[in-house]
């Protein structure tokens, strides 16, 4: 007696890179060498990407500006 089974494997889609993700955009900024080096070092120690560190800093800056009541976003 032979039993035939069908094996289905679930292979998740590869995660999109940030360049392919429509929720992200590429920006360029001139920053001091000192700040860039510190962000790289601290983000490495925190095990996050440079982009994540910059995004977090920008989000904090936006919240601070919104609290000034001069800016409504």
PDB file of N, CA and C in Angstrom:
ATOM      1  N   UNK A   1       0.840  -1.180   0.000  1.00  0.00           N
ATOM      2  CA  UNK A   1       0.000   0.000   0.000  1.00  0.00           C
ATOM      3  C   UNK A   1       0.886   1.246   0.000  1.00  0.00           C
ATOM      4  N   UNK A   2       0.679   2.104  -0.957  1.00  0.00           N
ATOM      5  CA  UNK A   2       1.448   3.351  -1.047  1.00  0.00           C
ATOM      6  C   UNK A   2       0.536   4.519  -0.685  1.00  0.00           C
ATOM      7  N   UNK A   3       1.077   5.377   0.135  1.00  0.00           N
ATOM      8  CA  UNK A   3       0.343   6.582   0.502  1.00  0.00           C
ATOM      9  C   UNK A   3       1.037   7.749  -0.163  1.00  0.00           C
ATOM     10  N   UNK A   4       0.293   8.472  -0.916  1.00  0.00           N
ATOM     11  CA  UNK A   4       0.877   9.619  -1.595  1.00  0.00           C
ATOM     12  C   UNK A   4       0.572  10.874  -0.779  1.00  0.00           C
ATOM     13  N   UNK A   5       1.612  11.600  -0.484  1.00  0.00           N
ATOM     14  CA  UNK A   5       1.435  12.849   0.260  1.00  0.00           C
ATOM     15  C   UNK A   5       1.989  13.990  -0.566  1.00  0.00           C
ATOM     16  N   UNK A   6       1.455  15.133  -0.291  1.00  0.00           N
ATOM     17  CA  UNK A   6       1.925  16.323  -0.990  1.00  0.00           C
ATOM     18  C   UNK A   6       2.561  17.231   0.050  1.00  0.00           C
ATOM     19  N   UNK A   7       3.795  17.550  -0.169  1.00  0.00           N
ATOM     20  CA  UNK A   7       4.530  18.397   0.755  1.00  0.00           C
ATOM     21  C   UNK A   7       4.570  19.812   0.190  1.00  0.00           C
ATOM     22  N   UNK A   8       4.070  20.743   0.971  1.00  0.00           N
ATOM     23  CA  UNK A   8       4.103  22.136   0.551  1.00  0.00           C
ATOM     24  C   UNK A   8       5.007  22.901   1.494  1.00  0.00           C
ATOM     25  N   UNK A   9       5.941  23.580   0.929  1.00  0.00           N
ATOM     26  CA  UNK A   9       6.855  24.393   1.719  1.00  0.00           C
ATOM     27  C   UNK A   9       6.445  25.848   1.603  1.00  0.00           C
ATOM     28  N   UNK A  10       6.464  26.518   2.727  1.00  0.00           N
ATOM     29  CA  UNK A  10       6.178  27.946   2.728  1.00  0.00           C
ATOM     30  C   UNK A  10       7.507  28.685   2.702  1.00  0.00           C
ATOM     31  N   UNK A  11       7.729  29.423   1.657  1.00  0.00           N
ATOM     32  CA  UNK A  11       8.941  30.230   1.543  1.00  0.00           C
ATOM     33  C   UNK A  11       8.501  31.689   1.561  1.00  0.00           C
ATOM     34  N   UNK A  12       8.797  32.388   2.657  1.00  0.00           N
ATOM     35  CA  UNK A  12       8.359  33.783   2.728  1.00  0.00           C
ATOM     36  C   UNK A  12       9.062  34.640   1.682  1.00  0.00           C
ATOM     37  N   UNK A  13       8.355  35.666   1.252  1.00  0.00           N
ATOM     38  CA  UNK A  13       8.960  36.602   0.311  1.00  0.00           C
ATOM     39  C   UNK A  13      10.135  37.278   0.977  1.00  0.00           C
ATOM     40  N   UNK A  14      11.136  37.584   0.159  1.00  0.00           N
ATOM     41  CA  UNK A  14      12.268  38.322   0.698  1.00  0.00           C
ATOM     42  C   UNK A  14      11.773  39.704   1.115  1.00  0.00           C
ATOM     43  N   UNK A  15      12.244  40.184   2.246  1.00  0.00           N
ATOM     44  CA  UNK A  15      11.821  41.534   2.630  1.00  0.00           C
ATOM     45  C   UNK A  15      12.326  42.559   1.615  1.00  0.00           C
ATOM     46  N   UNK A  16      11.505  43.561   1.392  1.00  0.00           N
ATOM     47  CA  UNK A  16      11.904  44.616   0.462  1.00  0.00           C
ATOM     48  C   UNK A  16      13.055  45.410   1.053  1.00  0.00           C
ATOM     49  N   UNK A  17      13.928  45.832   0.191  1.00  0.00           N
ATOM     50  CA  UNK A  17      14.964  46.735   0.659  1.00  0.00           C
ATOM     51  C   UNK A  17      14.322  48.112   0.804  1.00  0.00           C
ATOM     52  N   UNK A  18      14.954  48.965   1.550  1.00  0.00           N
ATOM     53  CA  UNK A  18      14.396  50.305   1.747  1.00  0.00           C
ATOM     54  C   UNK A  18      14.300  51.052   0.424  1.00  0.00           C
ATOM     55  N   UNK A  19      15.180  50.764  -0.500  1.00  0.00           N
ATOM     56  CA  UNK A  19      15.123  51.433  -1.814  1.00  0.00           C
ATOM     57  C   UNK A  19      13.888  51.031  -2.595  1.00  0.00           C
ATOM     58  N   UNK A  20      13.385  49.816  -2.349  1.00  0.00           N
ATOM     59  CA  UNK A  20      12.193  49.340  -3.044  1.00  0.00           C
ATOM     60  C   UNK A  20      10.917  49.662  -2.278  1.00  0.00           C
ATOM     61  N   UNK A  21      11.043  50.047  -1.032  1.00  0.00           N
ATOM     62  CA  UNK A  21       9.884  50.320  -0.183  1.00  0.00           C
ATOM     63  C   UNK A  21       9.374  51.734  -0.447  1.00  0.00           C
ATOM     64  N   UNK A  22       8.107  51.885  -0.851  1.00  0.00           N
ATOM     65  CA  UNK A  22       7.581  53.227  -1.158  1.00  0.00           C
ATOM     66  C   UNK A  22       7.459  54.131   0.067  1.00  0.00           C
ATOM     67  N   UNK A  23       7.623  53.577   1.271  1.00  0.00           N
ATOM     68  CA  UNK A  23       7.560  54.392   2.487  1.00  0.00           C
ATOM     69  C   UNK A  23       8.893  55.055   2.818  1.00  0.00           C
ATOM     70  N   UNK A  24       9.907  54.794   2.027  1.00  0.00           N
ATOM     71  CA  UNK A  24      11.223  55.376   2.254  1.00  0.00           C
ATOM     72  C   UNK A  24      11.653  56.189   1.045  1.00  0.00           C
ATOM     73  N   UNK A  25      12.468  57.199   1.287  1.00  0.00           N
ATOM     74  CA  UNK A  25      13.044  58.006   0.220  1.00  0.00           C
ATOM     75  C   UNK A  25      14.508  58.249   0.539  1.00  0.00           C
ATOM     76  N   UNK A  26      15.290  58.421  -0.477  1.00  0.00           N
ATOM     77  CA  UNK A  26      16.715  58.667  -0.315  1.00  0.00           C
ATOM     78  C   UNK A  26      16.932  60.166  -0.188  1.00  0.00           C
ATOM     79  N   UNK A  27      17.702  60.570   0.827  1.00  0.00           N
ATOM     80  CA  UNK A  27      18.049  61.981   0.979  1.00  0.00           C
ATOM     81  C   UNK A  27      19.554  62.092   1.156  1.00  0.00           C
ATOM     82  N   UNK A  28      20.062  63.264   0.895  1.00  0.00           N
ATOM     83  CA  UNK A  28      21.481  63.532   1.069  1.00  0.00           C
ATOM     84  C   UNK A  28      21.617  64.765   1.933  1.00  0.00           C
ATOM     85  N   UNK A  29      22.549  64.719   2.869  1.00  0.00           N
ATOM     86  CA  UNK A  29      22.780  65.868   3.746  1.00  0.00           C
ATOM     87  C   UNK A  29      24.275  65.993   4.006  1.00  0.00           C
ATOM     88  N   UNK A  30      24.730  67.210   4.136  1.00  0.00           N
ATOM     89  CA  UNK A  30      26.119  67.459   4.511  1.00  0.00           C
ATOM     90  C   UNK A  30      26.178  67.605   6.023  1.00  0.00           C
ATOM     91  N   UNK A  31      26.893  66.687   6.667  1.00  0.00           N
ATOM     92  CA  UNK A  31      27.046  66.726   8.125  1.00  0.00           C
ATOM     93  C   UNK A  31      28.541  66.736   8.446  1.00  0.00           C
ATOM     94  N   UNK A  32      28.855  67.196   9.635  1.00  0.00           N
ATOM     95  CA  UNK A  32      30.269  67.242  10.011  1.00  0.00           C
ATOM     96  C   UNK A  32      30.835  65.823  10.094  1.00  0.00           C
ATOM     97  N   UNK A  33      32.115  65.705   9.820  1.00  0.00           N
ATOM     98  CA  UNK A  33      32.779  64.398   9.915  1.00  0.00           C
ATOM     99  C   UNK A  33      32.641  63.834  11.326  1.00  0.00           C
ATOM    100  N   UNK A  34      32.764  64.723  12.314  1.00  0.00           N
ATOM    101  CA  UNK A  34      32.675  64.309  13.712  1.00  0.00           C
ATOM    102  C   UNK A  34      31.308  63.700  14.011  1.00  0.00           C
ATOM    103  N   UNK A  35      30.236  64.377  13.596  1.00  0.00           N
ATOM    104  CA  UNK A  35      28.880  63.840  13.833  1.00  0.00           C
ATOM    105  C   UNK A  35      28.669  62.526  13.088  1.00  0.00           C
ATOM    106  N   UNK A  36      29.130  62.456  11.857  1.00  0.00           N
ATOM    107  CA  UNK A  36      28.967  61.231  11.070  1.00  0.00           C
ATOM    108  C   UNK A  36      29.696  60.062  11.730  1.00  0.00           C
ATOM    109  N   UNK A  37      30.900  60.296  12.204  1.00  0.00           N
ATOM    110  CA  UNK A  37      31.677  59.237  12.861  1.00  0.00           C
ATOM    111  C   UNK A  37      30.997  58.779  14.145  1.00  0.00           C
ATOM    112  N   UNK A  38      30.476  59.743  14.907  1.00  0.00           N
ATOM    113  CA  UNK A  38      29.807  59.390  16.160  1.00  0.00           C
ATOM    114  C   UNK A  38      28.529  58.600  15.902  1.00  0.00           C
ATOM    115  N   UNK A  39      27.753  58.996  14.895  1.00  0.00           N
ATOM    116  CA  UNK A  39      26.523  58.266  14.571  1.00  0.00           C
ATOM    117  C   UNK A  39      26.860  56.849  14.121  1.00  0.00           C
ATOM    118  N   UNK A  40      27.887  56.715  13.287  1.00  0.00           N
ATOM    119  CA  UNK A  40      28.282  55.365  12.840  1.00  0.00           C
ATOM    120  C   UNK A  40      28.691  54.496  14.029  1.00  0.00           C
ATOM    121  N   UNK A  41      29.498  55.052  14.924  1.00  0.00           N
ATOM    122  CA  UNK A  41      29.983  54.278  16.078  1.00  0.00           C
ATOM    123  C   UNK A  41      28.841  53.899  17.014  1.00  0.00           C
ATOM    124  N   UNK A  42      28.003  54.864  17.344  1.00  0.00           N
ATOM    125  CA  UNK A  42      26.913  54.587  18.287  1.00  0.00           C
ATOM    126  C   UNK A  42      25.882  53.644  17.679  1.00  0.00           C
ATOM    127  N   UNK A  43      25.571  53.824  16.386  1.00  0.00           N
ATOM    128  CA  UNK A  43      24.601  52.918  15.766  1.00  0.00           C
ATOM    129  C   UNK A  43      25.151  51.492  15.710  1.00  0.00           C
ATOM    130  N   UNK A  44      26.447  51.345  15.498  1.00  0.00           N
ATOM    131  CA  UNK A  44      27.052  50.003  15.499  1.00  0.00           C
ATOM    132  C   UNK A  44      26.959  49.387  16.891  1.00  0.00           C
ATOM    133  N   UNK A  45      27.230  50.183  17.912  1.00  0.00           N
ATOM    134  CA  UNK A  45      27.139  49.676  19.286  1.00  0.00           C
ATOM    135  C   UNK A  45      25.706  49.300  19.662  1.00  0.00           C
ATOM    136  N   UNK A  46      24.748  50.000  19.084  1.00  0.00           N
ATOM    137  CA  UNK A  46      23.326  49.732  19.365  1.00  0.00           C
ATOM    138  C   UNK A  46      22.744  48.692  18.416  1.00  0.00           C
ATOM    139  N   UNK A  47      23.565  48.199  17.495  1.00  0.00           N
ATOM    140  CA  UNK A  47      23.151  47.194  16.513  1.00  0.00           C
ATOM    141  C   UNK A  47      21.976  47.667  15.663  1.00  0.00           C
ATOM    142  N   UNK A  48      22.050  48.921  15.229  1.00  0.00           N
ATOM    143  CA  UNK A  48      21.066  49.466  14.291  1.00  0.00           C
ATOM    144  C   UNK A  48      21.821  50.065  13.115  1.00  0.00           C
ATOM    145  N   UNK A  49      21.136  50.254  12.016  1.00  0.00           N
ATOM    146  CA  UNK A  49      21.789  50.819  10.833  1.00  0.00           C
ATOM    147  C   UNK A  49      21.944  52.330  10.977  1.00  0.00           C
ATOM    148  N   UNK A  50      22.833  52.862  10.179  1.00  0.00           N
ATOM    149  CA  UNK A  50      23.025  54.310  10.126  1.00  0.00           C
ATOM    150  C   UNK A  50      21.702  54.979   9.774  1.00  0.00           C
ATOM    151  N   UNK A  51      20.982  54.415   8.813  1.00  0.00           N
ATOM    152  CA  UNK A  51      19.688  54.968   8.397  1.00  0.00           C
ATOM    153  C   UNK A  51      18.692  54.991   9.548  1.00  0.00           C
ATOM    154  N   UNK A  52      18.656  53.914  10.333  1.00  0.00           N
ATOM    155  CA  UNK A  52      17.738  53.868  11.470  1.00  0.00           C
ATOM    156  C   UNK A  52      18.089  54.937  12.502  1.00  0.00           C
ATOM    157  N   UNK A  53      19.385  55.132  12.736  1.00  0.00           N
ATOM    158  CA  UNK A  53      19.818  56.149  13.702  1.00  0.00           C
ATOM    159  C   UNK A  53      19.422  57.547  13.231  1.00  0.00           C
ATOM    160  N   UNK A  54      19.637  57.831  11.955  1.00  0.00           N
ATOM    161  CA  UNK A  54      19.287  59.146  11.408  1.00  0.00           C
ATOM    162  C   UNK A  54      17.778  59.332  11.423  1.00  0.00           C
ATOM    163  N   UNK A  55      17.027  58.300  11.058  1.00  0.00           N
ATOM    164  CA  UNK A  55      15.567  58.384  11.056  1.00  0.00           C
ATOM    165  C   UNK A  55      15.037  58.660  12.461  1.00  0.00           C
ATOM    166  N   UNK A  56      15.632  57.996  13.466  1.00  0.00           N
ATOM    167  CA  UNK A  56      15.230  58.215  14.862  1.00  0.00           C
ATOM    168  C   UNK A  56      15.532  59.657  15.288  1.00  0.00           C
ATOM    169  N   UNK A  57      16.702  60.155  14.913  1.00  0.00           N
ATOM    170  CA  UNK A  57      17.073  61.528  15.266  1.00  0.00           C
ATOM    171  C   UNK A  57      16.138  62.538  14.596  1.00  0.00           C
ATOM    172  N   UNK A  58      15.792  62.294  13.346  1.00  0.00           N
ATOM    173  CA  UNK A  58      14.878  63.196  12.642  1.00  0.00           C
ATOM    174  C   UNK A  58      13.478  63.162  13.268  1.00  0.00           C
ATOM    175  N   UNK A  59      13.016  61.985  13.648  1.00  0.00           N
ATOM    176  CA  UNK A  59      11.699  61.871  14.294  1.00  0.00           C
ATOM    177  C   UNK A  59      11.687  62.644  15.615  1.00  0.00           C
ATOM    178  N   UNK A  60      12.758  62.526  16.391  1.00  0.00           N
ATOM    179  CA  UNK A  60      12.855  63.273  17.653  1.00  0.00           C
ATOM    180  C   UNK A  60      12.863  64.777  17.399  1.00  0.00           C
ATOM    181  N   UNK A  61      13.586  65.210  16.375  1.00  0.00           N
ATOM    182  CA  UNK A  61      13.683  66.630  16.033  1.00  0.00           C
ATOM    183  C   UNK A  61      12.304  67.167  15.615  1.00  0.00           C
ATOM    184  N   UNK A  62      11.581  66.379  14.827  1.00  0.00           N
ATOM    185  CA  UNK A  62      10.237  66.780  14.386  1.00  0.00           C
ATOM    186  C   UNK A  62       9.305  66.930  15.586  1.00  0.00           C
ATOM    187  N   UNK A  63       9.337  65.974  16.506  1.00  0.00           N
ATOM    188  CA  UNK A  63       8.487  66.056  17.700  1.00  0.00           C
ATOM    189  C   UNK A  63       8.833  67.290  18.538  1.00  0.00           C
ATOM    190  N   UNK A  64      10.092  67.596  18.651  1.00  0.00           N
ATOM    191  CA  UNK A  64      10.528  68.781  19.398  1.00  0.00           C
ATOM    192  C   UNK A  64       9.996  70.050  18.735  1.00  0.00           C
ATOM    193  N   UNK A  65      10.072  70.129  17.440  1.00  0.00           N
ATOM    194  CA  UNK A  65       9.575  71.302  16.708  1.00  0.00           C
ATOM    195  C   UNK A  65       8.055  71.408  16.815  1.00  0.00           C
ATOM    196  N   UNK A  66       7.362  70.282  16.758  1.00  0.00           N
ATOM    197  CA  UNK A  66       5.914  70.298  16.885  1.00  0.00           C
ATOM    198  C   UNK A  66       5.478  70.805  18.265  1.00  0.00           C
ATOM    199  N   UNK A  67       6.272  70.523  19.272  1.00  0.00           N
ATOM    200  CA  UNK A  67       5.967  70.963  20.638  1.00  0.00           C
ATOM    201  C   UNK A  67       6.112  72.469  20.795  1.00  0.00           C
ATOM    202  N   UNK A  68       6.856  73.112  19.892  1.00  0.00           N
ATOM    203  CA  UNK A  68       7.029  74.563  19.927  1.00  0.00           C
ATOM    204  C   UNK A  68       5.736  75.313  19.599  1.00  0.00           C
ATOM    205  N   UNK A  69       4.769  74.639  19.041  1.00  0.00           N
ATOM    206  CA  UNK A  69       3.480  75.203  18.621  1.00  0.00           C
ATOM    207  C   UNK A  69       3.605  76.148  17.425  1.00  0.00           C
ATOM    208  N   UNK A  70       4.828  76.370  16.948  1.00  0.00           N
ATOM    209  CA  UNK A  70       5.004  77.203  15.756  1.00  0.00           C
ATOM    210  C   UNK A  70       4.735  76.398  14.492  1.00  0.00           C
ATOM    211  N   UNK A  71       4.898  75.092  14.630  1.00  0.00           N
ATOM    212  CA  UNK A  71       4.776  74.221  13.480  1.00  0.00           C
ATOM    213  C   UNK A  71       3.613  73.274  13.661  1.00  0.00           C
ATOM    214  N   UNK A  72       2.783  73.166  12.664  1.00  0.00           N
ATOM    215  CA  UNK A  72       1.691  72.209  12.691  1.00  0.00           C
ATOM    216  C   UNK A  72       1.874  71.266  11.500  1.00  0.00           C
ATOM    217  N   UNK A  73       2.154  70.037  11.823  1.00  0.00           N
ATOM    218  CA  UNK A  73       2.406  69.042  10.765  1.00  0.00           C
ATOM    219  C   UNK A  73       1.386  67.933  10.912  1.00  0.00           C
TER     220      UNK A  73
END
